[in-house]
C-alpha cells in the first residue's frame, strides 16, 4: 500500500493507539506512565517506518544498479531512490 492512504494510516493508527494507551493508563492514575507509554508507541511506530523505508531504499538501489557496472553511473541511477 502506498500513496496518501498509506501516509494517513501511518499517522492515524499510531496516533490513535498512543492516545488509547495513554488514556487507559491515565484513568488508572498512572500519569507519568501514560505519557511515557504514549510517546513510546509513537517512537516504536517511527522506528518501524524508518526501518521499512531503509529496506525499500536498499531494494531500489539494488534494482537501479543491477545492470550498471560504472560506480558513477550507478550513483546517478540511484538518485530517485533517496529523494
N, C-alpha and C. Protein backbone atom coordinates (compact mmCIF):
# COMPACT_ATOMS: atom_id res chain seq x y z
N UNK A 1 0.85 -1.16 0.00
CA UNK A 1 0.00 0.00 0.00
C UNK A 1 0.91 1.24 0.00
N UNK A 2 0.59 2.19 -0.86
CA UNK A 2 1.40 3.40 -0.92
C UNK A 2 0.50 4.58 -1.24
N UNK A 3 1.09 5.74 -1.18
CA UNK A 3 0.34 6.94 -1.51
C UNK A 3 -0.30 7.58 -0.30
N UNK A 4 -1.31 8.39 -0.55
CA UNK A 4 -1.95 9.15 0.54
C UNK A 4 -2.58 8.26 1.62
N UNK A 5 -3.17 7.15 1.23
CA UNK A 5 -3.79 6.27 2.22
C UNK A 5 -2.75 5.70 3.17
N UNK A 6 -1.62 5.31 2.64
CA UNK A 6 -0.55 4.79 3.48
C UNK A 6 -0.03 5.85 4.43
N UNK A 7 0.12 7.07 3.94
CA UNK A 7 0.59 8.16 4.79
C UNK A 7 -0.41 8.46 5.90
N UNK A 8 -1.68 8.45 5.57
CA UNK A 8 -2.70 8.71 6.58
C UNK A 8 -2.71 7.61 7.63
N UNK A 9 -2.62 6.36 7.19
CA UNK A 9 -2.62 5.25 8.13
C UNK A 9 -1.37 5.25 9.01
N UNK A 10 -0.25 5.71 8.45
CA UNK A 10 0.98 5.77 9.23
C UNK A 10 0.91 6.83 10.31
N UNK A 11 0.01 7.79 10.17
CA UNK A 11 -0.17 8.83 11.17
C UNK A 11 -1.32 8.50 12.10
N UNK A 12 -2.45 8.08 11.53
CA UNK A 12 -3.67 7.89 12.31
C UNK A 12 -3.57 6.68 13.24
N UNK A 13 -3.11 5.56 12.77
CA UNK A 13 -3.08 4.35 13.59
C UNK A 13 -2.14 4.50 14.79
N UNK A 14 -0.88 4.91 14.60
CA UNK A 14 -0.04 5.10 15.80
C UNK A 14 -0.57 6.20 16.73
N UNK A 15 -1.12 7.26 16.16
CA UNK A 15 -1.67 8.33 17.00
C UNK A 15 -2.84 7.86 17.83
N UNK A 16 -3.76 7.13 17.20
CA UNK A 16 -4.92 6.62 17.93
C UNK A 16 -4.49 5.59 18.98
N UNK A 17 -3.56 4.72 18.64
CA UNK A 17 -3.08 3.73 19.60
C UNK A 17 -2.37 4.40 20.76
N UNK A 18 -1.59 5.42 20.46
CA UNK A 18 -0.89 6.16 21.50
C UNK A 18 -1.86 6.83 22.47
N UNK A 19 -2.86 7.48 21.91
CA UNK A 19 -3.86 8.14 22.75
C UNK A 19 -4.65 7.13 23.58
N UNK A 20 -4.97 5.98 23.00
CA UNK A 20 -5.72 4.96 23.72
C UNK A 20 -4.92 4.41 24.90
N UNK A 21 -3.65 4.07 24.64
CA UNK A 21 -2.80 3.55 25.71
C UNK A 21 -2.63 4.60 26.81
N UNK A 22 -2.35 5.84 26.40
CA UNK A 22 -2.17 6.91 27.40
C UNK A 22 -3.45 7.14 28.20
N UNK A 23 -4.59 7.13 27.54
CA UNK A 23 -5.85 7.35 28.24
C UNK A 23 -6.15 6.23 29.23
N UNK A 24 -5.91 4.98 28.82
CA UNK A 24 -6.17 3.86 29.73
C UNK A 24 -5.28 3.91 30.97
N UNK A 25 -4.02 4.26 30.77
CA UNK A 25 -3.13 4.36 31.93
C UNK A 25 -3.47 5.59 32.78
N UNK A 26 -3.90 6.65 32.15
CA UNK A 26 -4.27 7.86 32.89
C UNK A 26 -5.50 7.61 33.77
N UNK A 27 -6.44 6.84 33.25
CA UNK A 27 -7.65 6.51 34.04
C UNK A 27 -7.31 5.70 35.28
N UNK A 28 -6.22 4.94 35.21
CA UNK A 28 -5.80 4.13 36.36
C UNK A 28 -4.93 4.93 37.32
N UNK A 29 -4.69 6.20 36.99
CA UNK A 29 -3.93 7.07 37.88
C UNK A 29 -2.44 7.09 37.64
N UNK A 30 -1.98 6.53 36.55
CA UNK A 30 -0.55 6.49 36.24
C UNK A 30 -0.22 7.62 35.26
N UNK A 31 -0.03 8.81 35.79
CA UNK A 31 0.17 9.98 34.93
C UNK A 31 1.47 9.86 34.14
N UNK A 32 2.58 9.60 34.82
CA UNK A 32 3.85 9.53 34.11
C UNK A 32 3.93 8.34 33.16
N UNK A 33 3.39 7.20 33.60
CA UNK A 33 3.42 6.03 32.72
C UNK A 33 2.56 6.26 31.47
N UNK A 34 1.48 7.00 31.60
CA UNK A 34 0.65 7.26 30.42
C UNK A 34 1.40 8.12 29.41
N UNK A 35 2.14 9.11 29.89
CA UNK A 35 2.92 9.94 28.98
C UNK A 35 4.05 9.15 28.33
N UNK A 36 4.74 8.37 29.13
CA UNK A 36 5.85 7.57 28.60
C UNK A 36 5.35 6.53 27.61
N UNK A 37 4.26 5.86 27.93
CA UNK A 37 3.71 4.84 27.02
C UNK A 37 3.20 5.47 25.74
N UNK A 38 2.54 6.62 25.84
CA UNK A 38 2.04 7.29 24.64
C UNK A 38 3.16 7.69 23.71
N UNK A 39 4.22 8.26 24.26
CA UNK A 39 5.38 8.64 23.45
C UNK A 39 6.09 7.39 22.94
N UNK A 40 6.15 6.36 23.76
CA UNK A 40 6.80 5.11 23.36
C UNK A 40 6.14 4.46 22.15
N UNK A 41 4.81 4.50 22.11
CA UNK A 41 4.10 3.92 20.97
C UNK A 41 4.45 4.68 19.69
N UNK A 42 4.49 6.00 19.78
CA UNK A 42 4.83 6.81 18.61
C UNK A 42 6.28 6.55 18.18
N UNK A 43 7.18 6.45 19.14
CA UNK A 43 8.58 6.18 18.81
C UNK A 43 8.75 4.81 18.17
N UNK A 44 8.03 3.83 18.66
CA UNK A 44 8.11 2.48 18.08
C UNK A 44 7.58 2.48 16.65
N UNK A 45 6.49 3.20 16.42
CA UNK A 45 5.93 3.28 15.06
C UNK A 45 6.91 3.97 14.13
N UNK A 46 7.54 5.04 14.59
CA UNK A 46 8.52 5.75 13.77
C UNK A 46 9.74 4.88 13.46
N UNK A 47 10.20 4.13 14.46
CA UNK A 47 11.33 3.23 14.24
C UNK A 47 10.99 2.17 13.20
N UNK A 48 9.77 1.62 13.29
CA UNK A 48 9.33 0.63 12.31
C UNK A 48 9.26 1.24 10.91
N UNK A 49 8.69 2.44 10.79
CA UNK A 49 8.56 3.07 9.48
C UNK A 49 9.92 3.44 8.90
N UNK A 50 10.85 3.90 9.74
CA UNK A 50 12.19 4.22 9.25
C UNK A 50 12.92 2.96 8.79
N UNK A 51 12.76 1.87 9.52
CA UNK A 51 13.37 0.61 9.11
C UNK A 51 12.81 0.12 7.79
N UNK A 52 11.49 0.22 7.65
CA UNK A 52 10.86 -0.18 6.39
C UNK A 52 11.33 0.70 5.22
N UNK A 53 11.49 1.99 5.49
CA UNK A 53 11.97 2.92 4.47
C UNK A 53 13.38 2.56 4.03
N UNK A 54 14.25 2.21 4.98
CA UNK A 54 15.61 1.83 4.63
C UNK A 54 15.65 0.56 3.79
N UNK A 55 14.78 -0.39 4.10
CA UNK A 55 14.70 -1.62 3.30
C UNK A 55 14.24 -1.29 1.88
N UNK A 56 13.26 -0.41 1.74
CA UNK A 56 12.77 -0.01 0.42
C UNK A 56 13.85 0.73 -0.37
N UNK A 57 14.62 1.59 0.29
CA UNK A 57 15.70 2.32 -0.38
C UNK A 57 16.78 1.35 -0.84
N UNK A 58 17.12 0.40 0.01
CA UNK A 58 18.14 -0.58 -0.34
C UNK A 58 17.69 -1.42 -1.55
N UNK A 59 16.43 -1.83 -1.58
CA UNK A 59 15.91 -2.62 -2.71
C UNK A 59 15.90 -1.78 -3.98
N UNK A 60 15.53 -0.52 -3.88
CA UNK A 60 15.53 0.37 -5.04
C UNK A 60 16.94 0.55 -5.59
N UNK A 61 17.90 0.72 -4.69
CA UNK A 61 19.29 0.88 -5.10
C UNK A 61 19.80 -0.37 -5.81
N UNK A 62 19.46 -1.53 -5.29
CA UNK A 62 19.88 -2.78 -5.93
C UNK A 62 19.26 -2.92 -7.31
N UNK A 63 17.98 -2.56 -7.45
CA UNK A 63 17.34 -2.64 -8.76
C UNK A 63 17.97 -1.65 -9.74
N UNK A 64 18.30 -0.45 -9.26
CA UNK A 64 18.85 0.57 -10.13
C UNK A 64 20.25 0.22 -10.61
N UNK A 65 21.03 -0.44 -9.78
CA UNK A 65 22.43 -0.74 -10.11
C UNK A 65 22.65 -2.16 -10.62
N UNK A 66 21.59 -2.90 -10.79
CA UNK A 66 21.72 -4.31 -11.16
C UNK A 66 22.54 -4.51 -12.44
N UNK A 67 22.31 -3.70 -13.45
CA UNK A 67 22.96 -3.91 -14.75
C UNK A 67 23.98 -2.82 -15.07
N UNK A 68 24.33 -1.99 -14.11
CA UNK A 68 25.28 -0.90 -14.33
C UNK A 68 26.60 -1.26 -13.67
N UNK A 69 27.68 -1.21 -14.46
CA UNK A 69 28.99 -1.58 -13.92
C UNK A 69 29.78 -0.36 -13.44
N UNK A 70 29.49 0.81 -13.99
CA UNK A 70 30.22 2.02 -13.62
C UNK A 70 29.67 2.58 -12.31
N UNK A 71 30.51 2.73 -11.27
CA UNK A 71 30.03 3.25 -9.98
C UNK A 71 29.42 4.65 -10.06
N UNK A 72 29.98 5.52 -10.90
CA UNK A 72 29.44 6.87 -11.03
C UNK A 72 28.04 6.84 -11.66
N UNK A 73 27.86 5.99 -12.65
CA UNK A 73 26.55 5.87 -13.29
C UNK A 73 25.54 5.23 -12.33
N UNK A 74 26.02 4.32 -11.51
CA UNK A 74 25.14 3.68 -10.53
C UNK A 74 24.67 4.72 -9.51
N UNK A 75 25.57 5.59 -9.08
CA UNK A 75 25.21 6.63 -8.13
C UNK A 75 24.15 7.58 -8.73
N UNK A 76 24.31 7.91 -9.99
CA UNK A 76 23.33 8.77 -10.67
C UNK A 76 21.99 8.04 -10.81
N UNK A 77 22.02 6.74 -11.05
CA UNK A 77 20.79 5.99 -11.23
C UNK A 77 20.02 5.84 -9.93
N UNK A 78 20.70 5.89 -8.80
CA UNK A 78 20.03 5.72 -7.51
C UNK A 78 19.52 7.03 -6.92
N UNK A 79 19.65 8.12 -7.64
CA UNK A 79 19.22 9.42 -7.11
C UNK A 79 17.76 9.41 -6.71
N UNK A 80 16.91 8.82 -7.52
CA UNK A 80 15.48 8.77 -7.21
C UNK A 80 15.14 7.90 -6.02
N UNK A 81 16.00 6.99 -5.65
CA UNK A 81 15.74 6.11 -4.52
C UNK A 81 15.83 6.85 -3.19
N UNK A 82 16.68 7.84 -3.13
CA UNK A 82 16.93 8.54 -1.87
C UNK A 82 16.14 9.82 -1.74
N UNK A 83 15.50 10.24 -2.76
CA UNK A 83 14.78 11.54 -2.72
C UNK A 83 13.32 11.36 -2.45
